[in-house]
Amino acid sequence: MRNKFYIAVDCEGVACAVGYPHEGIKKDFHYEFVRKQATLEANAAATALFDMGAEEVWIWDNHSTGINLDYDLLDERCKIVLGSGHKERFPKIDHTFAGVLFIGYHSHANTQDGVLSHTYSTVAYQSYQVNGIDVGEMQLDAAFAGEHQVPVIFASSDDKAIEQAKESFPWIKTVVTKQSLSWNSAISLHPKEACKQIYSEVKEAYLALDQMNPYTFETPIQISLRYLRKDDAAAAPLFDCNGEPFIFKDPFTRRGIVKDIYHVKL
């Protein structure tokens, strides 16, 4: 039995994280709370896995430039993936992992009133579609894991993101950390309660591993990227299976077909 796990940690979806209008989570006192809470929620998930008998747990700090978590607060048994410069999602993931977990992820860019909703960049994209369906970082990252036959087994975030997660991965266990009110407001669980629920549900996810399935996109993959700015859409180096530039649907939107997930623009 595979008994190692990969926990991917973003920051927007953790309890009590709401950010600022037009800025999101910036480097200030709110960010300091958010980075600590993301650490504690990730650690709750890791502790649950170890308590259930996991042999190895990797925690991937993947918000912004990948230097966010308070690493001293993590279980000493964890391996920590951090920083920037690597090209792939889930660095070094392979078939030996039993599952991936999403902590603090958020809803996709085209979500009404989703707390801090976006897809990879709040200043780049209006929407991101794969095979005609709006997707976010959860779906795209899950597809990278799915290429190695590694399933998503757990996600915690706001209610909008969890609704999208269940639609894409109906088998997973989840925790709703907060109810979305707007892009910058929510009704949140207490931070400690969020960690308690994550710990409990991750243990349930471990028990249900045989019910979890890898998530993949049908190939070849049809990509449609709608940018916030026309000049960014025009300048984007997007090329299809035949090496031809993505076509323009309109001045903001580029479309094309790529061979597989490794050729998807992130």
C-alpha atoms as a PDB file:
ATOM      1  CA  MET A   1       0.000   0.000   0.000  1.00  0.00           C
ATOM      2  CA  ARG A   2       1.260   3.477  -0.891  1.00  0.00           C
ATOM      3  CA  ASN A   3       1.504   5.455   2.346  1.00  0.00           C
ATOM      4  CA  LYS A   4       2.996   8.871   1.555  1.00  0.00           C
ATOM      5  CA  PHE A   5       1.064  12.081   0.938  1.00  0.00           C
ATOM      6  CA  TYR A   6       1.475  15.516  -0.604  1.00  0.00           C
ATOM      7  CA  ILE A   7      -0.239  18.511   1.062  1.00  0.00           C
ATOM      8  CA  ALA A   8      -0.501  21.567  -1.203  1.00  0.00           C
ATOM      9  CA  VAL A   9      -0.940  24.809   0.757  1.00  0.00           C
ATOM     10  CA  ASP A  10      -2.308  28.089  -0.555  1.00  0.00           C
ATOM     11  CA  CYS A  11      -3.358  30.981   1.707  1.00  0.00           C
ATOM     12  CA  GLU A  12      -6.612  32.539   0.503  1.00  0.00           C
ATOM     13  CA  GLY A  13      -8.896  29.719   1.631  1.00  0.00           C
ATOM     14  CA  VAL A  14      -7.861  29.409   5.277  1.00  0.00           C
ATOM     15  CA  ALA A  15     -10.074  30.494   8.159  1.00  0.00           C
ATOM     16  CA  CYS A  16     -10.410  34.283   8.646  1.00  0.00           C
ATOM     17  CA  ALA A  17      -8.426  35.191   5.497  1.00  0.00           C
ATOM     18  CA  VAL A  18     -10.199  37.909   3.485  1.00  0.00           C
ATOM     19  CA  GLY A  19      -7.503  40.297   2.235  1.00  0.00           C
ATOM     20  CA  TYR A  20      -8.026  43.838   0.963  1.00  0.00           C
ATOM     21  CA  PRO A  21     -10.010  45.336  -1.964  1.00  0.00           C
ATOM     22  CA  HIS A  22      -7.956  45.479  -5.176  1.00  0.00           C
ATOM     23  CA  GLU A  23      -4.948  43.934  -3.397  1.00  0.00           C
ATOM     24  CA  GLY A  24      -5.810  40.547  -1.925  1.00  0.00           C
ATOM     25  CA  ILE A  25      -3.443  39.350   0.803  1.00  0.00           C
ATOM     26  CA  LYS A  26      -0.643  41.869   1.181  1.00  0.00           C
ATOM     27  CA  LYS A  27       2.443  41.839   3.387  1.00  0.00           C
ATOM     28  CA  ASP A  28       1.148  43.262   6.670  1.00  0.00           C
ATOM     29  CA  PHE A  29      -0.372  42.180   9.978  1.00  0.00           C
ATOM     30  CA  HIS A  30      -3.218  40.335   8.202  1.00  0.00           C
ATOM     31  CA  TYR A  31      -0.709  38.408   6.104  1.00  0.00           C
ATOM     32  CA  GLU A  32       1.154  37.432   9.264  1.00  0.00           C
ATOM     33  CA  PHE A  33      -2.045  35.938  10.662  1.00  0.00           C
ATOM     34  CA  VAL A  34      -2.855  34.213   7.353  1.00  0.00           C
ATOM     35  CA  ARG A  35       0.578  32.628   6.979  1.00  0.00           C
ATOM     36  CA  LYS A  36       0.395  31.273  10.539  1.00  0.00           C
ATOM     37  CA  GLN A  37      -3.128  29.950  10.032  1.00  0.00           C
ATOM     38  CA  ALA A  38      -2.154  28.281   6.753  1.00  0.00           C
ATOM     39  CA  THR A  39       0.693  26.614   8.638  1.00  0.00           C
ATOM     40  CA  LEU A  40      -1.560  25.397  11.436  1.00  0.00           C
ATOM     41  CA  GLU A  41      -4.191  24.067   9.030  1.00  0.00           C
ATOM     42  CA  ALA A  42      -1.535  22.243   6.999  1.00  0.00           C
ATOM     43  CA  ASN A  43      -0.071  20.849  10.186  1.00  0.00           C
ATOM     44  CA  ALA A  44      -3.489  19.635  11.334  1.00  0.00           C
ATOM     45  CA  ALA A  45      -3.752  17.681   8.089  1.00  0.00           C
ATOM     46  CA  ALA A  46      -0.218  16.310   8.391  1.00  0.00           C
ATOM     47  CA  THR A  47      -0.723  15.297  12.018  1.00  0.00           C
ATOM     48  CA  ALA A  48      -3.914  13.459  11.109  1.00  0.00           C
ATOM     49  CA  LEU A  49      -2.083  11.533   8.389  1.00  0.00           C
ATOM     50  CA  PHE A  50       0.770  10.589  10.709  1.00  0.00           C
ATOM     51  CA  ASP A  51      -1.685   9.567  13.430  1.00  0.00           C
ATOM     52  CA  MET A  52      -3.367   7.260  10.924  1.00  0.00           C
ATOM     53  CA  GLY A  53      -0.049   5.616  10.074  1.00  0.00           C
ATOM     54  CA  ALA A  54       1.303   7.645   7.148  1.00  0.00           C
ATOM     55  CA  GLU A  55       4.990   6.983   6.592  1.00  0.00           C
ATOM     56  CA  GLU A  56       5.835  10.238   4.797  1.00  0.00           C
ATOM     57  CA  VAL A  57       4.140  13.625   4.354  1.00  0.00           C
ATOM     58  CA  TRP A  58       5.309  16.418   2.057  1.00  0.00           C
ATOM     59  CA  ILE A  59       4.006  19.971   2.594  1.00  0.00           C
ATOM     60  CA  TRP A  60       4.203  22.258  -0.438  1.00  0.00           C
ATOM     61  CA  ASP A  61       4.197  26.009   0.305  1.00  0.00           C
ATOM     62  CA  ASN A  62       2.773  27.251  -3.001  1.00  0.00           C
ATOM     63  CA  HIS A  63       1.250  30.684  -2.366  1.00  0.00           C
ATOM     64  CA  SER A  64       2.887  33.498  -4.359  1.00  0.00           C
ATOM     65  CA  THR A  65       6.682  32.962  -4.344  1.00  0.00           C
ATOM     66  CA  GLY A  66       6.463  29.913  -2.078  1.00  0.00           C
ATOM     67  CA  ILE A  67       7.896  31.430   1.111  1.00  0.00           C
ATOM     68  CA  ASN A  68       4.951  31.881   3.453  1.00  0.00           C
ATOM     69  CA  LEU A  69       4.553  29.258   6.144  1.00  0.00           C
ATOM     70  CA  ASP A  70       6.012  29.328   9.638  1.00  0.00           C
ATOM     71  CA  TYR A  71       8.042  26.157   9.163  1.00  0.00           C
ATOM     72  CA  ASP A  72       8.957  25.767  12.838  1.00  0.00           C
ATOM     73  CA  LEU A  73       5.264  25.139  13.577  1.00  0.00           C
ATOM     74  CA  LEU A  74       5.118  22.104  11.291  1.00  0.00           C
ATOM     75  CA  ASP A  75       5.506  18.543  12.519  1.00  0.00           C
ATOM     76  CA  GLU A  76       9.205  17.693  12.423  1.00  0.00           C
ATOM     77  CA  ARG A  77       8.484  14.564  10.384  1.00  0.00           C
ATOM     78  CA  CYS A  78       7.263  16.611   7.398  1.00  0.00           C
ATOM     79  CA  LYS A  79       9.292  17.271   4.276  1.00  0.00           C
ATOM     80  CA  ILE A  80       8.812  20.863   3.106  1.00  0.00           C
ATOM     81  CA  VAL A  81       8.673  21.964  -0.545  1.00  0.00           C
ATOM     82  CA  LEU A  82       9.155  25.735  -0.832  1.00  0.00           C
ATOM     83  CA  GLY A  83      10.460  28.593  -2.934  1.00  0.00           C
ATOM     84  CA  SER A  84      10.136  29.354  -6.644  1.00  0.00           C
ATOM     85  CA  GLY A  85      11.967  28.648  -9.868  1.00  0.00           C
ATOM     86  CA  HIS A  86      10.818  25.070 -10.436  1.00  0.00           C
ATOM     87  CA  LYS A  87       8.655  24.697 -13.545  1.00  0.00           C
ATOM     88  CA  GLU A  88       6.338  21.892 -12.545  1.00  0.00           C
ATOM     89  CA  ARG A  89       3.412  21.683 -10.146  1.00  0.00           C
ATOM     90  CA  PHE A  90       3.837  19.222  -7.265  1.00  0.00           C
ATOM     91  CA  PRO A  91       7.625  19.039  -7.626  1.00  0.00           C
ATOM     92  CA  LYS A  92       8.919  15.458  -7.661  1.00  0.00           C
ATOM     93  CA  ILE A  93       5.466  13.903  -7.371  1.00  0.00           C
ATOM     94  CA  ASP A  94       5.251  10.350  -8.691  1.00  0.00           C
ATOM     95  CA  HIS A  95       3.152   7.198  -8.463  1.00  0.00           C
ATOM     96  CA  THR A  96       4.467   6.364  -4.979  1.00  0.00           C
ATOM     97  CA  PHE A  97       2.180   8.969  -3.375  1.00  0.00           C
ATOM     98  CA  ALA A  98      -1.200   7.759  -2.104  1.00  0.00           C
ATOM     99  CA  GLY A  99      -2.965  11.111  -2.292  1.00  0.00           C
ATOM    100  CA  VAL A 100      -2.803  14.891  -2.416  1.00  0.00           C
ATOM    101  CA  LEU A 101      -4.599  17.324  -0.123  1.00  0.00           C
ATOM    102  CA  PHE A 102      -5.540  20.963  -0.760  1.00  0.00           C
ATOM    103  CA  ILE A 103      -5.292  23.372   2.180  1.00  0.00           C
ATOM    104  CA  GLY A 104      -6.272  27.023   1.761  1.00  0.00           C
ATOM    105  CA  TYR A 105      -7.062  26.862  -1.963  1.00  0.00           C
ATOM    106  CA  HIS A 106      -9.811  29.122  -3.326  1.00  0.00           C
ATOM    107  CA  SER A 107     -12.547  29.221  -5.969  1.00  0.00           C
ATOM    108  CA  HIS A 108     -11.755  29.904  -9.628  1.00  0.00           C
ATOM    109  CA  ALA A 109     -11.588  33.347 -11.237  1.00  0.00           C
ATOM    110  CA  ASN A 110     -15.113  33.280 -12.649  1.00  0.00           C
ATOM    111  CA  THR A 111     -16.844  32.799  -9.273  1.00  0.00           C
ATOM    112  CA  GLN A 112     -19.483  35.226  -8.032  1.00  0.00           C
ATOM    113  CA  ASP A 113     -18.588  36.480  -4.529  1.00  0.00           C
ATOM    114  CA  GLY A 114     -15.948  33.826  -3.907  1.00  0.00           C
ATOM    115  CA  VAL A 115     -13.510  35.012  -1.231  1.00  0.00           C
ATOM    116  CA  LEU A 116     -10.299  36.095  -2.999  1.00  0.00           C
ATOM    117  CA  SER A 117     -11.319  34.001  -6.025  1.00  0.00           C
ATOM    118  CA  HIS A 118      -8.859  33.879  -8.928  1.00  0.00           C
ATOM    119  CA  THR A 119      -6.937  31.412 -11.062  1.00  0.00           C
ATOM    120  CA  TYR A 120      -3.175  31.644 -10.488  1.00  0.00           C
ATOM    121  CA  SER A 121      -3.122  35.444 -10.832  1.00  0.00           C
ATOM    122  CA  THR A 122      -5.550  38.174  -9.778  1.00  0.00           C
ATOM    123  CA  VAL A 123      -3.929  40.568 -12.247  1.00  0.00           C
ATOM    124  CA  ALA A 124      -3.691  38.301 -15.288  1.00  0.00           C
ATOM    125  CA  TYR A 125      -6.853  36.295 -16.009  1.00  0.00           C
ATOM    126  CA  GLN A 126     -10.583  36.941 -16.029  1.00  0.00           C
ATOM    127  CA  SER A 127     -11.306  33.263 -16.589  1.00  0.00           C
ATOM    128  CA  TYR A 128      -9.573  29.993 -17.390  1.00  0.00           C
ATOM    129  CA  GLN A 129     -11.407  27.224 -19.213  1.00  0.00           C
ATOM    130  CA  VAL A 130     -10.351  23.656 -19.949  1.00  0.00           C
ATOM    131  CA  ASN A 131     -12.470  21.668 -22.411  1.00  0.00           C
ATOM    132  CA  GLY A 132     -15.204  24.299 -22.158  1.00  0.00           C
ATOM    133  CA  ILE A 133     -15.426  24.311 -18.343  1.00  0.00           C
ATOM    134  CA  ASP A 134     -14.258  27.012 -15.928  1.00  0.00           C
ATOM    135  CA  VAL A 135     -11.446  25.643 -13.768  1.00  0.00           C
ATOM    136  CA  GLY A 136      -9.230  26.897 -10.979  1.00  0.00           C
ATOM    137  CA  GLU A 137      -6.001  25.915  -9.320  1.00  0.00           C
ATOM    138  CA  MET A 138      -7.564  22.897  -7.637  1.00  0.00           C
ATOM    139  CA  GLN A 139      -8.603  21.332 -10.937  1.00  0.00           C
ATOM    140  CA  LEU A 140      -5.365  22.177 -12.740  1.00  0.00           C
ATOM    141  CA  ASP A 141      -3.166  20.959  -9.885  1.00  0.00           C
ATOM    142  CA  ALA A 142      -5.295  17.835  -9.457  1.00  0.00           C
ATOM    143  CA  ALA A 143      -4.744  17.040 -13.121  1.00  0.00           C
ATOM    144  CA  PHE A 144      -0.970  17.178 -12.635  1.00  0.00           C
ATOM    145  CA  ALA A 145      -1.275  14.732  -9.745  1.00  0.00           C
ATOM    146  CA  GLY A 146      -3.682  12.624 -11.777  1.00  0.00           C
ATOM    147  CA  GLU A 147      -1.071  12.149 -14.492  1.00  0.00           C
ATOM    148  CA  HIS A 148       0.813  10.080 -11.887  1.00  0.00           C
ATOM    149  CA  GLN A 149      -2.370   8.267 -10.810  1.00  0.00           C
ATOM    150  CA  VAL A 150      -2.421  10.173  -7.507  1.00  0.00           C
ATOM    151  CA  PRO A 151      -5.931  11.192  -6.366  1.00  0.00           C
ATOM    152  CA  VAL A 152      -7.101  14.288  -4.520  1.00  0.00           C
ATOM    153  CA  ILE A 153      -8.436  13.061  -1.179  1.00  0.00           C
ATOM    154  CA  PHE A 154      -9.186  16.237   0.807  1.00  0.00           C
ATOM    155  CA  ALA A 155      -9.808  19.972   0.411  1.00  0.00           C
ATOM    156  CA  SER A 156     -10.482  22.801   2.864  1.00  0.00           C
ATOM    157  CA  SER A 157     -11.581  26.289   1.825  1.00  0.00           C
ATOM    158  CA  ASP A 158     -14.587  28.600   1.647  1.00  0.00           C
ATOM    159  CA  ASP A 159     -18.009  27.274   0.642  1.00  0.00           C
ATOM    160  CA  LYS A 160     -17.732  28.371  -3.002  1.00  0.00           C
ATOM    161  CA  ALA A 161     -14.412  26.582  -3.492  1.00  0.00           C
ATOM    162  CA  ILE A 162     -15.620  23.443  -1.743  1.00  0.00           C
ATOM    163  CA  GLU A 163     -18.703  23.353  -3.942  1.00  0.00           C
ATOM    164  CA  GLN A 164     -16.419  23.422  -6.985  1.00  0.00           C
ATOM    165  CA  ALA A 165     -14.129  20.792  -5.452  1.00  0.00           C
ATOM    166  CA  LYS A 166     -17.026  18.397  -4.852  1.00  0.00           C
ATOM    167  CA  GLU A 167     -18.255  18.916  -8.402  1.00  0.00           C
ATOM    168  CA  SER A 168     -14.825  18.005  -9.784  1.00  0.00           C
ATOM    169  CA  PHE A 169     -13.829  15.386  -7.196  1.00  0.00           C
ATOM    170  CA  PRO A 170     -17.083  13.950  -5.770  1.00  0.00           C
ATOM    171  CA  TRP A 171     -15.222  11.366  -3.696  1.00  0.00           C
ATOM    172  CA  ILE A 172     -13.177  13.743  -1.512  1.00  0.00           C
ATOM    173  CA  LYS A 173     -13.578  14.726   2.124  1.00  0.00           C
ATOM    174  CA  THR A 174     -13.841  18.456   2.819  1.00  0.00           C
ATOM    175  CA  VAL A 175     -13.989  21.200   5.429  1.00  0.00           C
ATOM    176  CA  VAL A 176     -15.679  24.562   4.829  1.00  0.00           C
ATOM    177  CA  THR A 177     -13.528  27.103   6.663  1.00  0.00           C
ATOM    178  CA  LYS A 178     -15.796  30.100   5.926  1.00  0.00           C
ATOM    179  CA  GLN A 179     -18.979  31.176   4.139  1.00  0.00           C
ATOM    180  CA  SER A 180     -18.313  33.640   1.323  1.00  0.00           C
ATOM    181  CA  LEU A 181     -19.996  37.043   1.461  1.00  0.00           C
ATOM    182  CA  SER A 182     -17.924  38.877  -1.149  1.00  0.00           C
ATOM    183  CA  TRP A 183     -14.424  38.903  -2.599  1.00  0.00           C
ATOM    184  CA  ASN A 184     -13.160  40.439   0.655  1.00  0.00           C
ATOM    185  CA  SER A 185     -15.607  39.267   3.319  1.00  0.00           C
ATOM    186  CA  ALA A 186     -16.821  36.046   4.901  1.00  0.00           C
ATOM    187  CA  ILE A 187     -18.314  34.407   7.968  1.00  0.00           C
ATOM    188  CA  SER A 188     -15.481  32.222   9.224  1.00  0.00           C
ATOM    189  CA  LEU A 189     -14.971  29.366  11.595  1.00  0.00           C
ATOM    190  CA  HIS A 190     -12.749  30.206  14.523  1.00  0.00           C
ATOM    191  CA  PRO A 191      -9.168  29.402  13.433  1.00  0.00           C
ATOM    192  CA  LYS A 192      -8.788  26.695  16.081  1.00  0.00           C
ATOM    193  CA  GLU A 193     -12.111  25.093  15.136  1.00  0.00           C
ATOM    194  CA  ALA A 194     -11.029  24.984  11.483  1.00  0.00           C
ATOM    195  CA  CYS A 195      -7.906  23.065  12.483  1.00  0.00           C
ATOM    196  CA  LYS A 196      -9.934  20.636  14.598  1.00  0.00           C
ATOM    197  CA  GLN A 197     -12.295  19.908  11.713  1.00  0.00           C
ATOM    198  CA  ILE A 198      -9.426  19.485   9.252  1.00  0.00           C
ATOM    199  CA  TYR A 199      -7.732  17.001  11.570  1.00  0.00           C
ATOM    200  CA  SER A 200     -10.947  14.976  11.891  1.00  0.00           C
ATOM    201  CA  GLU A 201     -11.863  14.955   8.195  1.00  0.00           C
ATOM    202  CA  VAL A 202      -8.357  14.112   6.998  1.00  0.00           C
ATOM    203  CA  LYS A 203      -8.489  11.012   9.174  1.00  0.00           C
ATOM    204  CA  GLU A 204     -11.763  10.107   7.454  1.00  0.00           C
ATOM    205  CA  ALA A 205     -10.120  10.695   4.079  1.00  0.00           C
ATOM    206  CA  TYR A 206      -7.326   8.301   5.005  1.00  0.00           C
ATOM    207  CA  LEU A 207      -9.869   5.614   5.867  1.00  0.00           C
ATOM    208  CA  ALA A 208     -11.585   6.135   2.511  1.00  0.00           C
ATOM    209  CA  LEU A 209      -8.464   5.957   0.311  1.00  0.00           C
ATOM    210  CA  ASP A 210      -9.810   3.030  -1.687  1.00  0.00           C
ATOM    211  CA  GLN A 211     -12.731   5.243  -2.796  1.00  0.00           C
ATOM    212  CA  MET A 212     -10.513   8.032  -4.179  1.00  0.00           C
ATOM    213  CA  ASN A 213      -9.852   8.453  -7.900  1.00  0.00           C
ATOM    214  CA  PRO A 214      -7.223  10.318  -9.944  1.00  0.00           C
ATOM    215  CA  TYR A 215      -8.507  13.413 -11.753  1.00  0.00           C
ATOM    216  CA  THR A 216      -7.479  13.978 -15.366  1.00  0.00           C
ATOM    217  CA  PHE A 217      -8.548  16.056 -18.367  1.00  0.00           C
ATOM    218  CA  GLU A 218      -9.649  14.466 -21.625  1.00  0.00           C
ATOM    219  CA  THR A 219      -6.871  14.943 -24.177  1.00  0.00           C
ATOM    220  CA  PRO A 220      -6.023  16.763 -26.341  1.00  0.00           C
ATOM    221  CA  ILE A 221      -6.895  19.653 -24.013  1.00  0.00           C
ATOM    222  CA  GLN A 222      -8.836  22.666 -25.257  1.00  0.00           C
ATOM    223  CA  ILE A 223      -7.673  25.842 -23.486  1.00  0.00           C
ATOM    224  CA  SER A 224      -9.453  29.207 -23.375  1.00  0.00           C
ATOM    225  CA  LEU A 225      -7.762  32.027 -21.466  1.00  0.00           C
ATOM    226  CA  ARG A 226      -9.512  35.354 -20.967  1.00  0.00           C
ATOM    227  CA  TYR A 227      -7.085  38.050 -19.841  1.00  0.00           C
ATOM    228  CA  LEU A 228      -7.781  41.211 -17.875  1.00  0.00           C
ATOM    229  CA  ARG A 229      -5.838  43.317 -20.382  1.00  0.00           C
ATOM    230  CA  LYS A 230      -5.907  43.219 -24.166  1.00  0.00           C
ATOM    231  CA  ASP A 231      -2.174  43.873 -24.421  1.00  0.00           C
ATOM    232  CA  ASP A 232      -1.434  40.875 -22.172  1.00  0.00           C
ATOM    233  CA  ALA A 233      -3.667  38.683 -24.332  1.00  0.00           C
ATOM    234  CA  ALA A 234      -1.855  39.842 -27.467  1.00  0.00           C
ATOM    235  CA  ALA A 235       1.624  39.346 -25.985  1.00  0.00           C
ATOM    236  CA  ALA A 236       1.043  35.941 -24.355  1.00  0.00           C
ATOM    237  CA  PRO A 237       3.356  33.231 -25.816  1.00  0.00           C
ATOM    238  CA  LEU A 238       0.629  30.609 -26.333  1.00  0.00           C
ATOM    239  CA  PHE A 239       1.146  27.825 -28.890  1.00  0.00           C
ATOM    240  CA  ASP A 240      -0.992  24.836 -29.812  1.00  0.00           C
ATOM    241  CA  CYS A 241      -0.181  21.214 -30.678  1.00  0.00           C
ATOM    242  CA  ASN A 242       1.082  22.264 -34.099  1.00  0.00           C
ATOM    243  CA  GLY A 243       3.249  25.106 -32.861  1.00  0.00           C
ATOM    244  CA  GLU A 244       0.752  27.706 -34.051  1.00  0.00           C
ATOM    245  CA  PRO A 245      -0.217  30.692 -31.856  1.00  0.00           C
ATOM    246  CA  PHE A 246      -3.508  30.430 -29.990  1.00  0.00           C
ATOM    247  CA  ILE A 247      -6.304  32.131 -31.930  1.00  0.00           C
ATOM    248  CA  PHE A 248      -8.177  35.189 -30.672  1.00  0.00           C
ATOM    249  CA  LYS A 249     -11.842  34.668 -29.795  1.00  0.00           C
ATOM    250  CA  ASP A 250     -11.966  38.390 -28.966  1.00  0.00           C
ATOM    251  CA  PRO A 251      -9.329  40.976 -27.963  1.00  0.00           C
ATOM    252  CA  PHE A 252      -9.182  39.544 -24.407  1.00  0.00           C
ATOM    253  CA  THR A 253      -9.489  35.814 -25.085  1.00  0.00           C
ATOM    254  CA  ARG A 254      -7.051  33.300 -26.598  1.00  0.00           C
ATOM    255  CA  ARG A 255      -7.951  29.717 -27.526  1.00  0.00           C
ATOM    256  CA  GLY A 256      -5.962  26.673 -28.546  1.00  0.00           C
ATOM    257  CA  ILE A 257      -5.512  22.927 -28.206  1.00  0.00           C
ATOM    258  CA  VAL A 258      -2.520  21.391 -26.410  1.00  0.00           C
ATOM    259  CA  LYS A 259      -1.299  17.809 -26.202  1.00  0.00           C
ATOM    260  CA  ASP A 260      -1.450  17.260 -22.443  1.00  0.00           C
ATOM    261  CA  ILE A 261      -1.387  18.911 -19.006  1.00  0.00           C
ATOM    262  CA  TYR A 262       2.348  19.563 -19.260  1.00  0.00           C
ATOM    263  CA  HIS A 263       1.700  21.960 -22.155  1.00  0.00           C
ATOM    264  CA  VAL A 264      -0.970  23.947 -20.311  1.00  0.00           C
ATOM    265  CA  LYS A 265      -0.127  27.613 -19.687  1.00  0.00           C
ATOM    266  CA  LEU A 266       0.088  28.365 -15.940  1.00  0.00           C
END
